[in-house]
Amino acid sequence: TMLTVLATYLRDDGVPTNPFFPAAGTLIGSNFGKIDPSTNLGQPNYDKYERTQFSLGYLLEHDINDTWSFSQNLNYGSNELYLRSSYAFSNN
């Protein structure tokens, strides 16, 4: 008989990054210069990222005899995410 217990837990808190950069200044040249990849155009006092994630499970195997065996697996997971973000963009 073999029993394996599986468990994970993860908690992340922080400020989300702003992925909405224009191609001009990042991928291609621009008359306005280059945009630094660490630039955050959001509102750090407003933007929020909180994630809590866990999983719990097991793997069970049992040899009944030389011919028959029994196995069962179970896995449960939960993920909670709170994401609040603002970003700037051009509308022309």
C-alpha atoms as a PDB file:
ATOM      1  CA  THR A   1       0.000   0.000   0.000  1.00  0.00           C
ATOM      2  CA  MET A   2       1.250   3.454  -0.894  1.00  0.00           C
ATOM      3  CA  LEU A   3      -0.301   6.784   0.107  1.00  0.00           C
ATOM      4  CA  THR A   4       1.024  10.145  -1.058  1.00  0.00           C
ATOM      5  CA  VAL A   5      -0.462  13.342   0.350  1.00  0.00           C
ATOM      6  CA  LEU A   6      -0.210  16.447  -1.834  1.00  0.00           C
ATOM      7  CA  ALA A   7      -0.611  20.047  -0.655  1.00  0.00           C
ATOM      8  CA  THR A   8       0.268  23.527  -1.925  1.00  0.00           C
ATOM      9  CA  TYR A   9      -0.314  27.053  -0.634  1.00  0.00           C
ATOM     10  CA  LEU A  10       0.460  30.373  -2.324  1.00  0.00           C
ATOM     11  CA  ARG A  11      -0.238  33.969  -1.299  1.00  0.00           C
ATOM     12  CA  ASP A  12       0.718  36.947  -3.482  1.00  0.00           C
ATOM     13  CA  ASP A  13       0.197  40.612  -2.611  1.00  0.00           C
ATOM     14  CA  GLY A  14       1.357  43.558  -4.629  1.00  0.00           C
ATOM     15  CA  VAL A  15       0.714  46.112  -7.311  1.00  0.00           C
ATOM     16  CA  PRO A  16      -0.151  44.762 -10.763  1.00  0.00           C
ATOM     17  CA  THR A  17       2.121  45.644 -13.633  1.00  0.00           C
ATOM     18  CA  ASN A  18       0.781  47.645 -16.540  1.00  0.00           C
ATOM     19  CA  PRO A  19       0.986  45.563 -19.733  1.00  0.00           C
ATOM     20  CA  PHE A  20      -0.574  48.197 -22.009  1.00  0.00           C
ATOM     21  CA  PHE A  21       2.469  49.812 -23.602  1.00  0.00           C
ATOM     22  CA  PRO A  22       2.246  51.087 -27.176  1.00  0.00           C
ATOM     23  CA  ALA A  23       4.437  49.564 -29.872  1.00  0.00           C
ATOM     24  CA  ALA A  24       6.019  52.994 -30.477  1.00  0.00           C
ATOM     25  CA  GLY A  25       8.698  53.422 -27.844  1.00  0.00           C
ATOM     26  CA  THR A  26       8.866  49.739 -26.921  1.00  0.00           C
ATOM     27  CA  LEU A  27       9.019  47.538 -30.028  1.00  0.00           C
ATOM     28  CA  ILE A  28       9.724  50.230 -32.607  1.00  0.00           C
ATOM     29  CA  GLY A  29      11.465  53.590 -32.435  1.00  0.00           C
ATOM     30  CA  SER A  30       9.588  56.763 -31.525  1.00  0.00           C
ATOM     31  CA  ASN A  31      10.203  60.507 -31.789  1.00  0.00           C
ATOM     32  CA  PHE A  32       9.204  60.706 -28.110  1.00  0.00           C
ATOM     33  CA  GLY A  33      11.955  58.335 -26.948  1.00  0.00           C
ATOM     34  CA  LYS A  34      11.934  54.895 -25.385  1.00  0.00           C
ATOM     35  CA  ILE A  35       9.538  53.657 -22.668  1.00  0.00           C
ATOM     36  CA  ASP A  36      11.307  51.968 -19.752  1.00  0.00           C
ATOM     37  CA  PRO A  37       9.819  48.455 -19.159  1.00  0.00           C
ATOM     38  CA  SER A  38       9.488  49.220 -15.422  1.00  0.00           C
ATOM     39  CA  THR A  39       7.241  52.247 -16.104  1.00  0.00           C
ATOM     40  CA  ASN A  40       3.899  51.998 -14.301  1.00  0.00           C
ATOM     41  CA  LEU A  41       1.235  54.248 -15.830  1.00  0.00           C
ATOM     42  CA  GLY A  42      -1.383  53.159 -13.297  1.00  0.00           C
ATOM     43  CA  GLN A  43      -2.150  54.551  -9.844  1.00  0.00           C
ATOM     44  CA  PRO A  44      -0.014  52.784  -7.207  1.00  0.00           C
ATOM     45  CA  ASN A  45      -2.307  53.913  -4.347  1.00  0.00           C
ATOM     46  CA  TYR A  46      -5.353  52.450  -6.145  1.00  0.00           C
ATOM     47  CA  ASP A  47      -4.024  49.419  -8.034  1.00  0.00           C
ATOM     48  CA  LYS A  48      -4.094  46.180  -6.050  1.00  0.00           C
ATOM     49  CA  TYR A  49      -3.313  42.501  -6.599  1.00  0.00           C
ATOM     50  CA  GLU A  50      -4.090  39.844  -3.981  1.00  0.00           C
ATOM     51  CA  ARG A  51      -4.143  36.124  -4.671  1.00  0.00           C
ATOM     52  CA  THR A  52      -4.614  33.174  -2.349  1.00  0.00           C
ATOM     53  CA  GLN A  53      -4.364  29.704  -3.835  1.00  0.00           C
ATOM     54  CA  PHE A  54      -4.227  26.238  -2.329  1.00  0.00           C
ATOM     55  CA  SER A  55      -4.673  22.623  -3.303  1.00  0.00           C
ATOM     56  CA  LEU A  56      -4.985  19.411  -1.346  1.00  0.00           C
ATOM     57  CA  GLY A  57      -5.069  15.842  -2.554  1.00  0.00           C
ATOM     58  CA  TYR A  58      -3.791  12.308  -2.326  1.00  0.00           C
ATOM     59  CA  LEU A  59      -2.653   9.342  -4.416  1.00  0.00           C
ATOM     60  CA  LEU A  60      -3.582   5.914  -3.060  1.00  0.00           C
ATOM     61  CA  GLU A  61      -2.407   2.571  -4.457  1.00  0.00           C
ATOM     62  CA  HIS A  62      -3.008  -0.876  -2.988  1.00  0.00           C
ATOM     63  CA  ASP A  63      -2.123  -4.310  -4.397  1.00  0.00           C
ATOM     64  CA  ILE A  64      -4.982  -6.663  -3.538  1.00  0.00           C
ATOM     65  CA  ASN A  65      -3.111  -9.696  -4.922  1.00  0.00           C
ATOM     66  CA  ASP A  66      -0.749 -10.504  -7.823  1.00  0.00           C
ATOM     67  CA  THR A  67      -3.511  -9.811 -10.357  1.00  0.00           C
ATOM     68  CA  TRP A  68      -5.654  -7.063  -8.897  1.00  0.00           C
ATOM     69  CA  SER A  69      -4.758  -3.630  -7.613  1.00  0.00           C
ATOM     70  CA  PHE A  70      -6.719  -0.602  -6.503  1.00  0.00           C
ATOM     71  CA  SER A  71      -5.809   3.027  -7.062  1.00  0.00           C
ATOM     72  CA  GLN A  72      -7.574   6.272  -6.327  1.00  0.00           C
ATOM     73  CA  ASN A  73      -6.529   9.901  -6.790  1.00  0.00           C
ATOM     74  CA  LEU A  74      -8.140  13.064  -5.482  1.00  0.00           C
ATOM     75  CA  ASN A  75      -7.177  16.687  -5.941  1.00  0.00           C
ATOM     76  CA  TYR A  76      -9.047  19.793  -4.790  1.00  0.00           C
ATOM     77  CA  GLY A  77      -7.952  23.328  -5.558  1.00  0.00           C
ATOM     78  CA  SER A  78      -9.141  26.822  -4.747  1.00  0.00           C
ATOM     79  CA  ASN A  79      -8.001  30.163  -6.142  1.00  0.00           C
ATOM     80  CA  GLU A  80      -9.168  33.599  -4.982  1.00  0.00           C
ATOM     81  CA  LEU A  81      -8.058  36.711  -6.857  1.00  0.00           C
ATOM     82  CA  TYR A  82      -8.705  40.384  -6.161  1.00  0.00           C
ATOM     83  CA  LEU A  83      -7.414  42.588  -8.973  1.00  0.00           C
ATOM     84  CA  ARG A  84      -7.989  46.325  -9.259  1.00  0.00           C
ATOM     85  CA  SER A  85      -6.041  48.197 -11.901  1.00  0.00           C
ATOM     86  CA  SER A  86      -6.043  51.423 -13.882  1.00  0.00           C
ATOM     87  CA  TYR A  87      -4.045  52.259 -16.978  1.00  0.00           C
ATOM     88  CA  ALA A  88      -3.442  55.102 -19.401  1.00  0.00           C
ATOM     89  CA  PHE A  89      -3.931  54.884 -23.149  1.00  0.00           C
ATOM     90  CA  SER A  90      -4.259  57.127 -26.156  1.00  0.00           C
ATOM     91  CA  ASN A  91      -7.677  57.277 -27.788  1.00  0.00           C
ATOM     92  CA  ASN A  92      -6.714  58.762 -31.137  1.00  0.00           C
END
